[in-house]
Amino acid sequence: MATITTTQAGVLRRLLRAAATSDGDSMAELVTDDVVGWSPNLWVTSRRELLAALENGDDALTGVELEVHALDQIGDKAIAEWRLAADHTGPFVIDDDLAIAPTQRRLRLSGATIAEFDGDRICAFRHYFDDLALIEQALAVE
């Protein structure tokens, strides 16, 4: 695998940070109008849908720290392996009838993201992680 270009590396790092912190303003600059995106808890087919999903995101996690451990490129695709740590300071809303109260615990999550580029913007992304791992950490008996 070739090392990812500096511009694309910066865009992918910013996308990961924007996704982790629900930063719609930054996200809007990084993706194409027709971006397609997927994660265990998200499916979007446009920038408008992605920004709406970020607006509706919960505030369960604060103090987010994101580390990108590997960043590689194959053609117009870039792959990042990452690790996130954050404080559980707001409720995890599972659905309309179920939420997990804040525990104030520091939670950790590892994952990988594959992004496809159209020039210097992301036109497709896939985040792979186990979102149940966060809930398990929040509910763990100490």
C-alpha atoms as a PDB file:
ATOM      1  CA  MET A   1       0.000   0.000   0.000  1.00  0.00           C
ATOM      2  CA  ALA A   2       1.169   3.493  -0.789  1.00  0.00           C
ATOM      3  CA  THR A   3       1.130   6.200   1.810  1.00  0.00           C
ATOM      4  CA  ILE A   4      -1.926   8.441   1.506  1.00  0.00           C
ATOM      5  CA  THR A   5      -1.387  11.925   0.062  1.00  0.00           C
ATOM      6  CA  THR A   6      -1.037  14.749   2.548  1.00  0.00           C
ATOM      7  CA  THR A   7      -4.259  16.440   1.380  1.00  0.00           C
ATOM      8  CA  GLN A   8      -6.367  13.279   1.509  1.00  0.00           C
ATOM      9  CA  ALA A   9      -4.830  12.291   4.851  1.00  0.00           C
ATOM     10  CA  GLY A  10      -5.892  15.632   6.300  1.00  0.00           C
ATOM     11  CA  VAL A  11      -9.410  15.313   4.866  1.00  0.00           C
ATOM     12  CA  LEU A  12      -9.864  11.796   6.277  1.00  0.00           C
ATOM     13  CA  ARG A  13      -8.521  12.808   9.696  1.00  0.00           C
ATOM     14  CA  ARG A  14     -10.898  15.803   9.736  1.00  0.00           C
ATOM     15  CA  LEU A  15     -13.817  13.570   8.692  1.00  0.00           C
ATOM     16  CA  LEU A  16     -13.114  11.193  11.575  1.00  0.00           C
ATOM     17  CA  ARG A  17     -12.894  14.081  14.055  1.00  0.00           C
ATOM     18  CA  ALA A  18     -16.101  15.675  12.682  1.00  0.00           C
ATOM     19  CA  ALA A  19     -17.952  12.350  12.899  1.00  0.00           C
ATOM     20  CA  ALA A  20     -16.761  11.742  16.471  1.00  0.00           C
ATOM     21  CA  THR A  21     -17.791  15.220  17.637  1.00  0.00           C
ATOM     22  CA  SER A  22     -20.909  15.707  15.444  1.00  0.00           C
ATOM     23  CA  ASP A  23     -19.303  18.746  13.797  1.00  0.00           C
ATOM     24  CA  GLY A  24     -21.582  19.397  10.829  1.00  0.00           C
ATOM     25  CA  ASP A  25     -19.828  22.582   9.719  1.00  0.00           C
ATOM     26  CA  SER A  26     -16.532  20.748   9.229  1.00  0.00           C
ATOM     27  CA  MET A  27     -18.234  17.708   7.731  1.00  0.00           C
ATOM     28  CA  ALA A  28     -19.963  19.845   5.074  1.00  0.00           C
ATOM     29  CA  GLU A  29     -16.590  20.993   3.721  1.00  0.00           C
ATOM     30  CA  LEU A  30     -15.178  17.478   3.497  1.00  0.00           C
ATOM     31  CA  VAL A  31     -17.780  15.534   1.523  1.00  0.00           C
ATOM     32  CA  THR A  32     -19.422  15.761  -1.887  1.00  0.00           C
ATOM     33  CA  ASP A  33     -23.111  16.656  -2.305  1.00  0.00           C
ATOM     34  CA  ASP A  34     -23.883  13.040  -3.234  1.00  0.00           C
ATOM     35  CA  VAL A  35     -21.795  11.372  -0.527  1.00  0.00           C
ATOM     36  CA  VAL A  36     -22.876   7.876   0.487  1.00  0.00           C
ATOM     37  CA  GLY A  37     -22.016   6.801   4.017  1.00  0.00           C
ATOM     38  CA  TRP A  38     -22.549   3.854   6.307  1.00  0.00           C
ATOM     39  CA  SER A  39     -21.754   2.861   9.878  1.00  0.00           C
ATOM     40  CA  PRO A  40     -23.392   0.444  12.334  1.00  0.00           C
ATOM     41  CA  ASN A  41     -25.858   3.191  13.288  1.00  0.00           C
ATOM     42  CA  LEU A  42     -26.010   5.385  10.152  1.00  0.00           C
ATOM     43  CA  TRP A  43     -26.954   5.225   6.466  1.00  0.00           C
ATOM     44  CA  VAL A  44     -26.903   8.365   4.299  1.00  0.00           C
ATOM     45  CA  THR A  45     -27.017   9.052   0.573  1.00  0.00           C
ATOM     46  CA  SER A  46     -26.309  12.795   0.472  1.00  0.00           C
ATOM     47  CA  ARG A  47     -24.519  15.592   2.306  1.00  0.00           C
ATOM     48  CA  ARG A  48     -27.930  16.907   3.410  1.00  0.00           C
ATOM     49  CA  GLU A  49     -28.817  13.560   5.047  1.00  0.00           C
ATOM     50  CA  LEU A  50     -25.391  13.334   6.679  1.00  0.00           C
ATOM     51  CA  LEU A  51     -25.660  16.822   8.164  1.00  0.00           C
ATOM     52  CA  ALA A  52     -29.203  16.108   9.398  1.00  0.00           C
ATOM     53  CA  ALA A  53     -27.943  12.931  11.077  1.00  0.00           C
ATOM     54  CA  LEU A  54     -25.180  14.893  12.808  1.00  0.00           C
ATOM     55  CA  GLU A  55     -27.694  17.508  13.997  1.00  0.00           C
ATOM     56  CA  ASN A  56     -29.835  14.737  15.464  1.00  0.00           C
ATOM     57  CA  GLY A  57     -26.816  13.104  17.093  1.00  0.00           C
ATOM     58  CA  ASP A  58     -26.880  12.745  20.823  1.00  0.00           C
ATOM     59  CA  ASP A  59     -24.478  14.413  23.228  1.00  0.00           C
ATOM     60  CA  ALA A  60     -23.656  11.219  25.076  1.00  0.00           C
ATOM     61  CA  LEU A  61     -19.892  11.595  24.706  1.00  0.00           C
ATOM     62  CA  THR A  62     -17.665  14.546  25.563  1.00  0.00           C
ATOM     63  CA  GLY A  63     -13.934  15.019  25.952  1.00  0.00           C
ATOM     64  CA  VAL A  64     -13.380  13.080  22.745  1.00  0.00           C
ATOM     65  CA  GLU A  65      -9.811  12.021  21.960  1.00  0.00           C
ATOM     66  CA  LEU A  66      -9.191  10.438  18.569  1.00  0.00           C
ATOM     67  CA  GLU A  67      -5.989   8.692  17.545  1.00  0.00           C
ATOM     68  CA  VAL A  68      -5.412   7.556  13.982  1.00  0.00           C
ATOM     69  CA  HIS A  69      -2.957   4.642  14.042  1.00  0.00           C
ATOM     70  CA  ALA A  70      -2.653   3.835  10.340  1.00  0.00           C
ATOM     71  CA  LEU A  71      -3.589   5.688   7.189  1.00  0.00           C
ATOM     72  CA  ASP A  72      -3.068   4.026   3.815  1.00  0.00           C
ATOM     73  CA  GLN A  73      -4.272   4.539   0.260  1.00  0.00           C
ATOM     74  CA  ILE A  74      -5.160   2.262  -2.641  1.00  0.00           C
ATOM     75  CA  GLY A  75      -6.040   4.367  -5.679  1.00  0.00           C
ATOM     76  CA  ASP A  76      -8.871   6.732  -4.695  1.00  0.00           C
ATOM     77  CA  LYS A  77      -9.639   4.766  -1.496  1.00  0.00           C
ATOM     78  CA  ALA A  78      -8.092   5.534   1.869  1.00  0.00           C
ATOM     79  CA  ILE A  79      -8.194   3.314   4.942  1.00  0.00           C
ATOM     80  CA  ALA A  80      -7.740   4.575   8.489  1.00  0.00           C
ATOM     81  CA  GLU A  81      -7.493   2.548  11.680  1.00  0.00           C
ATOM     82  CA  TRP A  82      -8.450   4.602  14.713  1.00  0.00           C
ATOM     83  CA  ARG A  83      -9.097   4.541  18.443  1.00  0.00           C
ATOM     84  CA  LEU A  84     -11.468   6.863  20.273  1.00  0.00           C
ATOM     85  CA  ALA A  85     -11.760   7.630  23.983  1.00  0.00           C
ATOM     86  CA  ALA A  86     -14.520   9.812  25.439  1.00  0.00           C
ATOM     87  CA  ASP A  87     -16.422  10.529  28.639  1.00  0.00           C
ATOM     88  CA  HIS A  88     -19.992   9.213  28.912  1.00  0.00           C
ATOM     89  CA  THR A  89     -21.618  12.430  30.163  1.00  0.00           C
ATOM     90  CA  GLY A  90     -25.002  12.329  28.416  1.00  0.00           C
ATOM     91  CA  PRO A  91     -27.620   9.624  27.898  1.00  0.00           C
ATOM     92  CA  PHE A  92     -27.135   6.975  25.210  1.00  0.00           C
ATOM     93  CA  VAL A  93     -30.493   7.046  23.480  1.00  0.00           C
ATOM     94  CA  ILE A  94     -31.196   3.551  22.156  1.00  0.00           C
ATOM     95  CA  ASP A  95     -34.730   4.314  20.960  1.00  0.00           C
ATOM     96  CA  ASP A  96     -37.723   6.417  22.032  1.00  0.00           C
ATOM     97  CA  ASP A  97     -38.332   4.230  25.090  1.00  0.00           C
ATOM     98  CA  LEU A  98     -34.793   3.337  26.149  1.00  0.00           C
ATOM     99  CA  ALA A  99     -31.769   5.389  27.191  1.00  0.00           C
ATOM    100  CA  ILE A 100     -28.695   4.630  29.283  1.00  0.00           C
ATOM    101  CA  ALA A 101     -28.050   7.297  31.902  1.00  0.00           C
ATOM    102  CA  PRO A 102     -24.627   8.975  31.967  1.00  0.00           C
ATOM    103  CA  THR A 103     -22.021   7.018  33.921  1.00  0.00           C
ATOM    104  CA  GLN A 104     -19.159   9.571  33.749  1.00  0.00           C
ATOM    105  CA  ARG A 105     -16.898   6.662  32.703  1.00  0.00           C
ATOM    106  CA  ARG A 106     -14.152   6.998  30.126  1.00  0.00           C
ATOM    107  CA  LEU A 107     -15.189   4.743  27.241  1.00  0.00           C
ATOM    108  CA  ARG A 108     -13.021   3.425  24.434  1.00  0.00           C
ATOM    109  CA  LEU A 109     -13.788   2.321  20.901  1.00  0.00           C
ATOM    110  CA  SER A 110     -11.594   1.057  18.070  1.00  0.00           C
ATOM    111  CA  GLY A 111     -12.527   0.943  14.434  1.00  0.00           C
ATOM    112  CA  ALA A 112     -11.610   1.391  10.824  1.00  0.00           C
ATOM    113  CA  THR A 113     -12.892   3.719   8.147  1.00  0.00           C
ATOM    114  CA  ILE A 114     -12.699   3.325   4.393  1.00  0.00           C
ATOM    115  CA  ALA A 115     -13.173   6.517   2.410  1.00  0.00           C
ATOM    116  CA  GLU A 116     -13.432   6.996  -1.333  1.00  0.00           C
ATOM    117  CA  PHE A 117     -12.338  10.319  -2.807  1.00  0.00           C
ATOM    118  CA  ASP A 118     -13.531  12.454  -5.663  1.00  0.00           C
ATOM    119  CA  GLY A 119     -10.622  14.875  -5.880  1.00  0.00           C
ATOM    120  CA  ASP A 120     -10.003  16.201  -2.372  1.00  0.00           C
ATOM    121  CA  ARG A 121     -13.516  15.436  -1.073  1.00  0.00           C
ATOM    122  CA  ILE A 122     -14.944  12.209   0.242  1.00  0.00           C
ATOM    123  CA  CYS A 123     -17.716  10.769  -1.934  1.00  0.00           C
ATOM    124  CA  ALA A 124     -18.256   7.553   0.064  1.00  0.00           C
ATOM    125  CA  PHE A 125     -17.287   6.244   3.482  1.00  0.00           C
ATOM    126  CA  ARG A 126     -17.774   3.181   5.630  1.00  0.00           C
ATOM    127  CA  HIS A 127     -17.068   3.216   9.367  1.00  0.00           C
ATOM    128  CA  TYR A 128     -16.541  -0.208  10.944  1.00  0.00           C
ATOM    129  CA  PHE A 129     -16.830  -0.438  14.724  1.00  0.00           C
ATOM    130  CA  ASP A 130     -18.788  -2.236  17.418  1.00  0.00           C
ATOM    131  CA  ASP A 131     -21.195   0.355  18.841  1.00  0.00           C
ATOM    132  CA  LEU A 132     -22.460  -2.238  21.315  1.00  0.00           C
ATOM    133  CA  ALA A 133     -18.986  -2.135  22.904  1.00  0.00           C
ATOM    134  CA  LEU A 134     -19.708   1.406  24.163  1.00  0.00           C
ATOM    135  CA  ILE A 135     -23.000   0.299  25.717  1.00  0.00           C
ATOM    136  CA  GLU A 136     -21.318  -2.714  27.331  1.00  0.00           C
ATOM    137  CA  GLN A 137     -18.656  -0.451  28.850  1.00  0.00           C
ATOM    138  CA  ALA A 138     -21.303   1.960  30.108  1.00  0.00           C
ATOM    139  CA  LEU A 139     -23.319  -0.864  31.710  1.00  0.00           C
ATOM    140  CA  ALA A 140     -20.343  -2.785  33.134  1.00  0.00           C
ATOM    141  CA  VAL A 141     -20.482  -3.435  36.856  1.00  0.00           C
ATOM    142  CA  GLU A 142     -17.485  -1.949  38.638  1.00  0.00           C
END
